[in-house]
Amino acid sequence: MNDAYLQWKNRALTMLDRKPRTVHEFCVKMRDKGCDDETLARITADFEEAGYLDDESYVHEWLATVAKRRGYGINLIRAKLKRKGISREVVDTIYCDDYALQENDIALREAQKKINKISFEISDKKRAQKLAQFLNGRGFTHDSIMHVLSVLGLKLYE
C-alpha cells in the first residue's frame, strides 16, 4: 500500500467518524477533497467490506431518528434519501419493514400539532384542506391523509 492511499484512507475515516454518510455522499465528498478515482474506488470497496459504508444501515438509522422525529411521510423520505444517493427500491424495502405501520400515527401526531395553529374561525372544510396540504407537503400518502382527517372528524369532500 502506498503512502497516498493511507493518507486518503485516514482522511476518509476521520470524515466518517464525524458523520455517517451514504456511499454516494462519501464519494462526492472525497472527490471534492481531491481524491482520485482509483484511490476512491479502493477505499470505498474496503469500507463497504468492513461495514463502514452501508446504505441499508444508514437508511434504517435515518428512518429511526430523522424521519420519525421530524414527522416525514414516505414521499418526502424517498425524495430526501434519493438526494443522498439511495435507490427507491432500498428505501421502499426498509420503509415497509421499519416505518410503514407507524406512518398513520406519525401523520396524526403532526396533524394534531398543526391543527391548533389553524384558525378556528374558518369552516371545517377549509381547515381540512389546510391540514391536507400540510400533510401532503410533509410527504404523507393520500391514504394516510384521509385516515388522519377521518380520525379528527374533518372531511375534505362533502
C-alpha atoms as a PDB file:
ATOM      1  CA  MET A   1       0.000   0.000   0.000  1.00  0.00           C
ATOM      2  CA  ASN A   2       1.356   3.364  -0.923  1.00  0.00           C
ATOM      3  CA  ASP A   3       1.605   6.418   1.270  1.00  0.00           C
ATOM      4  CA  ALA A   4      -1.013   8.459  -0.623  1.00  0.00           C
ATOM      5  CA  TYR A   5      -3.576   5.676  -0.254  1.00  0.00           C
ATOM      6  CA  LEU A   6      -3.041   5.537   3.516  1.00  0.00           C
ATOM      7  CA  GLN A   7      -3.347   9.317   3.832  1.00  0.00           C
ATOM      8  CA  TRP A   8      -6.634   9.329   1.912  1.00  0.00           C
ATOM      9  CA  LYS A   9      -7.869   6.371   3.935  1.00  0.00           C
ATOM     10  CA  ASN A  10      -7.137   8.193   7.192  1.00  0.00           C
ATOM     11  CA  ARG A  11      -8.902  11.328   5.931  1.00  0.00           C
ATOM     12  CA  ALA A  12     -11.879   9.199   4.934  1.00  0.00           C
ATOM     13  CA  LEU A  13     -12.035   7.523   8.343  1.00  0.00           C
ATOM     14  CA  THR A  14     -11.953  10.922  10.049  1.00  0.00           C
ATOM     15  CA  MET A  15     -14.746  12.131   7.776  1.00  0.00           C
ATOM     16  CA  LEU A  16     -16.936   9.091   8.545  1.00  0.00           C
ATOM     17  CA  ASP A  17     -16.165   9.402  12.241  1.00  0.00           C
ATOM     18  CA  ARG A  18     -17.738  12.869  12.243  1.00  0.00           C
ATOM     19  CA  LYS A  19     -20.929  11.927  10.424  1.00  0.00           C
ATOM     20  CA  PRO A  20     -22.346   8.750   8.873  1.00  0.00           C
ATOM     21  CA  ARG A  21     -22.723   9.019   5.102  1.00  0.00           C
ATOM     22  CA  THR A  22     -24.172   7.085   2.219  1.00  0.00           C
ATOM     23  CA  VAL A  23     -21.792   5.669  -0.384  1.00  0.00           C
ATOM     24  CA  HIS A  24     -22.849   8.450  -2.771  1.00  0.00           C
ATOM     25  CA  GLU A  25     -22.277  11.223  -0.219  1.00  0.00           C
ATOM     26  CA  PHE A  26     -18.926   9.695   0.717  1.00  0.00           C
ATOM     27  CA  CYS A  27     -17.731   9.569  -2.893  1.00  0.00           C
ATOM     28  CA  VAL A  28     -18.865  13.122  -3.638  1.00  0.00           C
ATOM     29  CA  LYS A  29     -17.150  14.471  -0.519  1.00  0.00           C
ATOM     30  CA  MET A  30     -13.920  12.603  -1.236  1.00  0.00           C
ATOM     31  CA  ARG A  31     -13.856  13.828  -4.861  1.00  0.00           C
ATOM     32  CA  ASP A  32     -14.445  17.375  -3.618  1.00  0.00           C
ATOM     33  CA  LYS A  33     -11.397  16.990  -1.390  1.00  0.00           C
ATOM     34  CA  GLY A  34      -9.328  15.916  -4.420  1.00  0.00           C
ATOM     35  CA  CYS A  35      -9.190  12.141  -4.102  1.00  0.00           C
ATOM     36  CA  ASP A  36      -8.511  10.405  -7.431  1.00  0.00           C
ATOM     37  CA  ASP A  37     -10.980   7.835  -8.753  1.00  0.00           C
ATOM     38  CA  GLU A  38      -8.697   4.819  -8.416  1.00  0.00           C
ATOM     39  CA  THR A  39      -7.894   5.518  -4.760  1.00  0.00           C
ATOM     40  CA  LEU A  40     -11.527   6.335  -4.047  1.00  0.00           C
ATOM     41  CA  ALA A  41     -12.679   3.036  -5.578  1.00  0.00           C
ATOM     42  CA  ARG A  42     -10.221   1.095  -3.399  1.00  0.00           C
ATOM     43  CA  ILE A  43     -11.183   2.930  -0.230  1.00  0.00           C
ATOM     44  CA  THR A  44     -14.893   2.584  -0.958  1.00  0.00           C
ATOM     45  CA  ALA A  45     -14.555  -1.154  -1.556  1.00  0.00           C
ATOM     46  CA  ASP A  46     -12.518  -1.562   1.622  1.00  0.00           C
ATOM     47  CA  PHE A  47     -15.002   0.447   3.679  1.00  0.00           C
ATOM     48  CA  GLU A  48     -18.021  -1.400   2.299  1.00  0.00           C
ATOM     49  CA  GLU A  49     -16.369  -4.725   3.098  1.00  0.00           C
ATOM     50  CA  ALA A  50     -15.529  -3.546   6.625  1.00  0.00           C
ATOM     51  CA  GLY A  51     -19.060  -2.212   7.146  1.00  0.00           C
ATOM     52  CA  TYR A  52     -18.088   1.463   7.449  1.00  0.00           C
ATOM     53  CA  LEU A  53     -20.198   2.285   4.385  1.00  0.00           C
ATOM     54  CA  ASP A  54     -23.563   0.543   4.346  1.00  0.00           C
ATOM     55  CA  ASP A  55     -26.516   2.272   2.698  1.00  0.00           C
ATOM     56  CA  GLU A  56     -29.100  -0.061   4.204  1.00  0.00           C
ATOM     57  CA  SER A  57     -27.858   0.554   7.749  1.00  0.00           C
ATOM     58  CA  TYR A  58     -27.797   4.272   7.002  1.00  0.00           C
ATOM     59  CA  VAL A  59     -31.454   4.179   5.901  1.00  0.00           C
ATOM     60  CA  HIS A  60     -32.502   2.213   8.997  1.00  0.00           C
ATOM     61  CA  GLU A  61     -30.789   4.723  11.254  1.00  0.00           C
ATOM     62  CA  TRP A  62     -32.056   7.742   9.298  1.00  0.00           C
ATOM     63  CA  LEU A  63     -35.654   6.499   9.446  1.00  0.00           C
ATOM     64  CA  ALA A  64     -35.420   5.780  13.156  1.00  0.00           C
ATOM     65  CA  THR A  65     -34.047   9.189  14.024  1.00  0.00           C
ATOM     66  CA  VAL A  66     -34.535  11.941  11.471  1.00  0.00           C
ATOM     67  CA  ALA A  67     -37.701  10.885   9.646  1.00  0.00           C
ATOM     68  CA  LYS A  68     -39.653   9.827  12.706  1.00  0.00           C
ATOM     69  CA  ARG A  69     -38.646  12.818  14.813  1.00  0.00           C
ATOM     70  CA  ARG A  70     -39.370  15.360  12.079  1.00  0.00           C
ATOM     71  CA  GLY A  71     -42.596  13.681  11.010  1.00  0.00           C
ATOM     72  CA  TYR A  72     -41.940  12.774   7.377  1.00  0.00           C
ATOM     73  CA  GLY A  73     -44.157  10.660   5.132  1.00  0.00           C
ATOM     74  CA  ILE A  74     -42.917   8.134   2.572  1.00  0.00           C
ATOM     75  CA  ASN A  75     -42.908  10.568  -0.365  1.00  0.00           C
ATOM     76  CA  LEU A  76     -40.665  13.077   1.410  1.00  0.00           C
ATOM     77  CA  ILE A  77     -38.481  10.264   2.749  1.00  0.00           C
ATOM     78  CA  ARG A  78     -37.955   8.956  -0.791  1.00  0.00           C
ATOM     79  CA  ALA A  79     -37.061  12.422  -2.067  1.00  0.00           C
ATOM     80  CA  LYS A  80     -34.607  13.196   0.733  1.00  0.00           C
ATOM     81  CA  LEU A  81     -32.886   9.820   0.513  1.00  0.00           C
ATOM     82  CA  LYS A  82     -32.730   9.998  -3.297  1.00  0.00           C
ATOM     83  CA  ARG A  83     -30.676  13.180  -2.900  1.00  0.00           C
ATOM     84  CA  LYS A  84     -28.347  11.146  -0.704  1.00  0.00           C
ATOM     85  CA  GLY A  85     -27.946   8.541  -3.450  1.00  0.00           C
ATOM     86  CA  ILE A  86     -30.247   5.839  -2.057  1.00  0.00           C
ATOM     87  CA  SER A  87     -32.385   3.978  -4.589  1.00  0.00           C
ATOM     88  CA  ARG A  88     -36.168   3.901  -4.277  1.00  0.00           C
ATOM     89  CA  GLU A  89     -36.123   0.104  -4.013  1.00  0.00           C
ATOM     90  CA  VAL A  90     -33.844   0.166  -0.968  1.00  0.00           C
ATOM     91  CA  VAL A  91     -35.968   2.855   0.685  1.00  0.00           C
ATOM     92  CA  ASP A  92     -39.231   1.019  -0.006  1.00  0.00           C
ATOM     93  CA  THR A  93     -37.915  -2.304   1.297  1.00  0.00           C
ATOM     94  CA  ILE A  94     -36.599  -0.849   4.535  1.00  0.00           C
ATOM     95  CA  TYR A  95     -39.575   1.504   4.895  1.00  0.00           C
ATOM     96  CA  CYS A  96     -42.013  -1.410   4.721  1.00  0.00           C
ATOM     97  CA  ASP A  97     -40.052  -3.263   7.389  1.00  0.00           C
ATOM     98  CA  ASP A  98     -39.481  -0.419   9.841  1.00  0.00           C
ATOM     99  CA  TYR A  99     -41.766   2.518   9.313  1.00  0.00           C
ATOM    100  CA  ALA A 100     -44.905   1.817   7.289  1.00  0.00           C
ATOM    101  CA  LEU A 101     -47.011   0.679  10.237  1.00  0.00           C
ATOM    102  CA  GLN A 102     -46.226   3.907  12.074  1.00  0.00           C
ATOM    103  CA  GLU A 103     -46.971   6.344   9.221  1.00  0.00           C
ATOM    104  CA  ASN A 104     -50.602   6.962  10.223  1.00  0.00           C
ATOM    105  CA  ASP A 105     -49.585   7.568  13.840  1.00  0.00           C
ATOM    106  CA  ILE A 106     -46.851   9.975  12.796  1.00  0.00           C
ATOM    107  CA  ALA A 107     -49.211  11.791  10.414  1.00  0.00           C
ATOM    108  CA  LEU A 108     -51.809  12.094  13.189  1.00  0.00           C
ATOM    109  CA  ARG A 109     -49.196  13.436  15.613  1.00  0.00           C
ATOM    110  CA  GLU A 110     -48.082  16.071  13.100  1.00  0.00           C
ATOM    111  CA  ALA A 111     -51.685  16.976  12.269  1.00  0.00           C
ATOM    112  CA  GLN A 112     -52.577  17.436  15.936  1.00  0.00           C
ATOM    113  CA  LYS A 113     -49.661  19.828  16.345  1.00  0.00           C
ATOM    114  CA  LYS A 114     -50.681  21.770  13.243  1.00  0.00           C
ATOM    115  CA  ILE A 115     -54.442  21.902  13.795  1.00  0.00           C
ATOM    116  CA  ASN A 116     -54.075  24.162  16.831  1.00  0.00           C
ATOM    117  CA  LYS A 117     -52.285  26.702  14.638  1.00  0.00           C
ATOM    118  CA  ILE A 118     -55.071  26.759  12.056  1.00  0.00           C
ATOM    119  CA  SER A 119     -57.690  29.399  12.765  1.00  0.00           C
ATOM    120  CA  PHE A 120     -60.938  28.118  14.254  1.00  0.00           C
ATOM    121  CA  GLU A 121     -62.800  30.957  12.534  1.00  0.00           C
ATOM    122  CA  ILE A 122     -62.737  29.196   9.170  1.00  0.00           C
ATOM    123  CA  SER A 123     -65.024  26.367   8.077  1.00  0.00           C
ATOM    124  CA  ASP A 124     -64.223  22.735   8.814  1.00  0.00           C
ATOM    125  CA  LYS A 125     -63.817  22.098   5.077  1.00  0.00           C
ATOM    126  CA  LYS A 126     -61.195  24.854   4.816  1.00  0.00           C
ATOM    127  CA  ARG A 127     -59.401  23.529   7.934  1.00  0.00           C
ATOM    128  CA  ALA A 128     -59.402  20.049   6.377  1.00  0.00           C
ATOM    129  CA  GLN A 129     -57.918  21.485   3.173  1.00  0.00           C
ATOM    130  CA  LYS A 130     -55.179  23.322   5.050  1.00  0.00           C
ATOM    131  CA  LEU A 131     -54.364  20.241   7.092  1.00  0.00           C
ATOM    132  CA  ALA A 132     -54.313  18.034   3.983  1.00  0.00           C
ATOM    133  CA  GLN A 133     -51.959  20.473   2.231  1.00  0.00           C
ATOM    134  CA  PHE A 134     -49.674  20.484   5.249  1.00  0.00           C
ATOM    135  CA  LEU A 135     -49.557  16.671   5.451  1.00  0.00           C
ATOM    136  CA  ASN A 136     -49.056  16.405   1.704  1.00  0.00           C
ATOM    137  CA  GLY A 137     -46.108  18.778   1.984  1.00  0.00           C
ATOM    138  CA  ARG A 138     -44.685  16.513   4.684  1.00  0.00           C
ATOM    139  CA  GLY A 139     -44.785  13.635   2.188  1.00  0.00           C
ATOM    140  CA  PHE A 140     -47.680  11.598   3.550  1.00  0.00           C
ATOM    141  CA  THR A 141     -49.737   9.466   1.186  1.00  0.00           C
ATOM    142  CA  HIS A 142     -53.328  10.233   0.288  1.00  0.00           C
ATOM    143  CA  ASP A 143     -54.497   7.243   2.339  1.00  0.00           C
ATOM    144  CA  SER A 144     -52.674   8.483   5.446  1.00  0.00           C
ATOM    145  CA  ILE A 145     -54.063  11.987   4.991  1.00  0.00           C
ATOM    146  CA  MET A 146     -57.622  10.707   4.625  1.00  0.00           C
ATOM    147  CA  HIS A 147     -57.174   8.474   7.681  1.00  0.00           C
ATOM    148  CA  VAL A 148     -55.991  11.426   9.780  1.00  0.00           C
ATOM    149  CA  LEU A 149     -58.840  13.649   8.614  1.00  0.00           C
ATOM    150  CA  SER A 150     -61.393  10.971   9.487  1.00  0.00           C
ATOM    151  CA  VAL A 151     -59.870  10.464  12.940  1.00  0.00           C
ATOM    152  CA  LEU A 152     -60.058  14.220  13.525  1.00  0.00           C
ATOM    153  CA  GLY A 153     -63.663  14.325  12.251  1.00  0.00           C
ATOM    154  CA  LEU A 154     -62.860  16.527   9.255  1.00  0.00           C
ATOM    155  CA  LYS A 155     -63.993  15.996   5.671  1.00  0.00           C
ATOM    156  CA  LEU A 156     -62.288  17.249   2.550  1.00  0.00           C
ATOM    157  CA  TYR A 157     -65.237  16.447   0.338  1.00  0.00           C
ATOM    158  CA  GLU A 158     -68.856  16.906   1.215  1.00  0.00           C
END
